Amino acid sequence: MPNPVVHFEVLGKDAAGLAAFYGETFGWQMEDLNMPGGGYHMARPGGEHDINGGVGGTPDGDGGHVTFYIAVDDLGEALQKVESAGGSTVQPPMDIPNGPSIALFADPEGHVVGLVKM
């Protein structure tokens, strides 16, 4: 399948509380990454076809949000397609330390979705 959903994030005010909630409620393995400036946990549901994700604190302390990430070969090209179809770039391509490159866009109704270069 081209461009599958490969990652999710749940971000809010209380990173540790959210990690405990999802870990305890659904039996997900939660790994604290000890990120500077706030908590971030990798969430690993553990099933063969499950999508791993992240649970953490919002950098600006806002109310939080949920984002899913779509795998693409080229972030710039994907953002051009998004904009041609009526969406907009929210976060241009950026490299995550020890991780992938990501970008964020908003669809025509303002829903924010992530892109990850695989």
Protein backbone atom coordinates (compact mmCIF):
# COMPACT_ATOMS: atom_id res chain seq x y z
CA MET A 1 0.00 0.00 0.00
CA PRO A 2 1.53 3.35 -0.94
CA ASN A 3 1.84 5.97 1.81
CA PRO A 4 0.60 3.98 4.83
CA VAL A 5 -0.10 5.46 8.27
CA VAL A 6 3.03 4.57 10.24
CA HIS A 7 2.97 6.51 13.52
CA PHE A 8 0.62 8.36 15.88
CA GLU A 9 1.06 10.93 18.64
CA VAL A 10 -1.10 11.89 21.59
CA LEU A 11 0.17 15.14 23.13
CA GLY A 12 -1.24 16.98 26.13
CA LYS A 13 -0.47 18.90 29.30
CA ASP A 14 0.53 15.88 31.46
CA ALA A 15 2.93 13.60 29.56
CA ALA A 16 3.45 11.18 32.45
CA GLY A 17 -0.27 10.99 33.18
CA LEU A 18 -1.13 10.31 29.54
CA ALA A 19 1.58 7.65 29.27
CA ALA A 20 0.27 5.94 32.41
CA PHE A 21 -3.32 6.13 31.13
CA TYR A 22 -2.59 4.55 27.73
CA GLY A 23 -0.13 2.02 29.14
CA GLU A 24 -2.44 0.84 31.90
CA THR A 25 -5.71 1.06 29.98
CA PHE A 26 -4.58 -0.72 26.83
CA GLY A 27 -1.54 -2.70 28.00
CA TRP A 28 0.85 -0.76 25.77
CA GLN A 29 4.58 -0.84 26.56
CA MET A 30 5.59 2.77 27.30
CA GLU A 31 9.26 3.76 27.01
CA ASP A 32 10.23 7.13 28.54
CA LEU A 33 12.70 8.79 26.17
CA ASN A 34 13.77 11.34 28.82
CA MET A 35 13.51 14.21 26.34
CA PRO A 36 14.73 17.61 27.55
CA GLY A 37 11.94 20.09 28.21
CA GLY A 38 9.23 17.55 28.89
CA GLY A 39 8.24 13.95 28.81
CA TYR A 40 7.83 11.87 25.70
CA HIS A 41 7.13 8.15 25.67
CA MET A 42 7.27 5.71 22.79
CA ALA A 43 4.06 3.69 22.79
CA ARG A 44 4.34 0.13 21.56
CA PRO A 45 1.01 -1.70 21.46
CA GLY A 46 2.86 -4.95 20.72
CA GLY A 47 0.71 -6.63 18.09
CA GLU A 48 2.13 -7.91 14.81
CA HIS A 49 0.35 -5.28 12.70
CA ASP A 50 0.02 -2.52 15.31
CA ILE A 51 1.29 1.00 14.69
CA ASN A 52 3.76 2.37 17.25
CA GLY A 53 3.35 5.91 18.43
CA GLY A 54 4.29 8.56 20.91
CA VAL A 55 2.62 10.01 24.00
CA GLY A 56 3.98 13.20 25.48
CA GLY A 57 3.65 16.78 26.57
CA THR A 58 2.89 19.70 24.30
CA PRO A 59 5.87 22.02 23.87
CA ASP A 60 3.76 25.15 24.42
CA GLY A 61 1.50 23.72 27.13
CA ASP A 62 -1.67 23.95 25.02
CA GLY A 63 -4.61 21.62 25.47
CA GLY A 64 -3.10 18.93 23.28
CA HIS A 65 -3.96 17.08 20.12
CA VAL A 66 -3.75 13.75 18.31
CA THR A 67 -1.78 13.42 15.06
CA PHE A 68 -1.24 10.53 12.70
CA TYR A 69 1.76 10.30 10.35
CA ILE A 70 1.78 9.15 6.73
CA ALA A 71 4.94 7.68 5.18
CA VAL A 72 6.18 9.43 2.03
CA ASP A 73 9.32 9.21 -0.10
CA ASP A 74 9.83 12.99 -0.41
CA LEU A 75 8.53 15.50 2.14
CA GLY A 76 8.84 18.53 -0.15
CA GLU A 77 7.03 16.83 -3.00
CA ALA A 78 4.26 15.65 -0.66
CA LEU A 79 3.80 19.18 0.72
CA GLN A 80 3.59 20.56 -2.83
CA LYS A 81 0.80 18.04 -3.57
CA VAL A 82 -0.96 19.02 -0.32
CA GLU A 83 -0.86 22.70 -1.25
CA SER A 84 -1.98 22.02 -4.83
CA ALA A 85 -4.99 20.15 -3.44
CA GLY A 86 -6.03 22.99 -1.11
CA GLY A 87 -4.10 22.16 2.05
CA SER A 88 -1.30 24.15 3.68
CA THR A 89 2.11 23.52 5.24
CA VAL A 90 2.10 23.81 9.04
CA GLN A 91 5.69 22.63 9.74
CA PRO A 92 8.22 22.45 6.91
CA PRO A 93 10.52 19.43 6.79
CA MET A 94 12.69 19.01 9.88
CA ASP A 95 15.05 16.32 11.12
CA ILE A 96 14.26 14.72 14.49
CA PRO A 97 17.48 14.02 16.48
CA ASN A 98 18.23 10.28 16.19
CA GLY A 99 15.02 9.88 14.21
CA PRO A 100 13.32 10.47 10.90
CA SER A 101 12.53 13.67 9.01
CA ILE A 102 8.98 14.92 9.45
CA ALA A 103 6.64 17.68 8.30
CA LEU A 104 3.09 18.72 9.19
CA PHE A 105 0.27 19.94 6.99
CA ALA A 106 -3.32 21.06 7.41
CA ASP A 107 -6.02 19.65 5.17
CA PRO A 108 -8.60 22.03 3.62
CA GLU A 109 -10.68 21.89 6.84
CA GLY A 110 -7.69 22.56 9.12
CA HIS A 111 -6.99 19.04 10.43
CA VAL A 112 -3.26 18.73 11.10
CA VAL A 113 -1.63 15.55 9.75
CA GLY A 114 2.02 14.48 9.85
CA LEU A 115 4.31 13.24 7.11
CA VAL A 116 7.40 11.12 7.77
CA LYS A 117 10.14 10.34 5.26
CA MET A 118 10.75 6.60 5.26
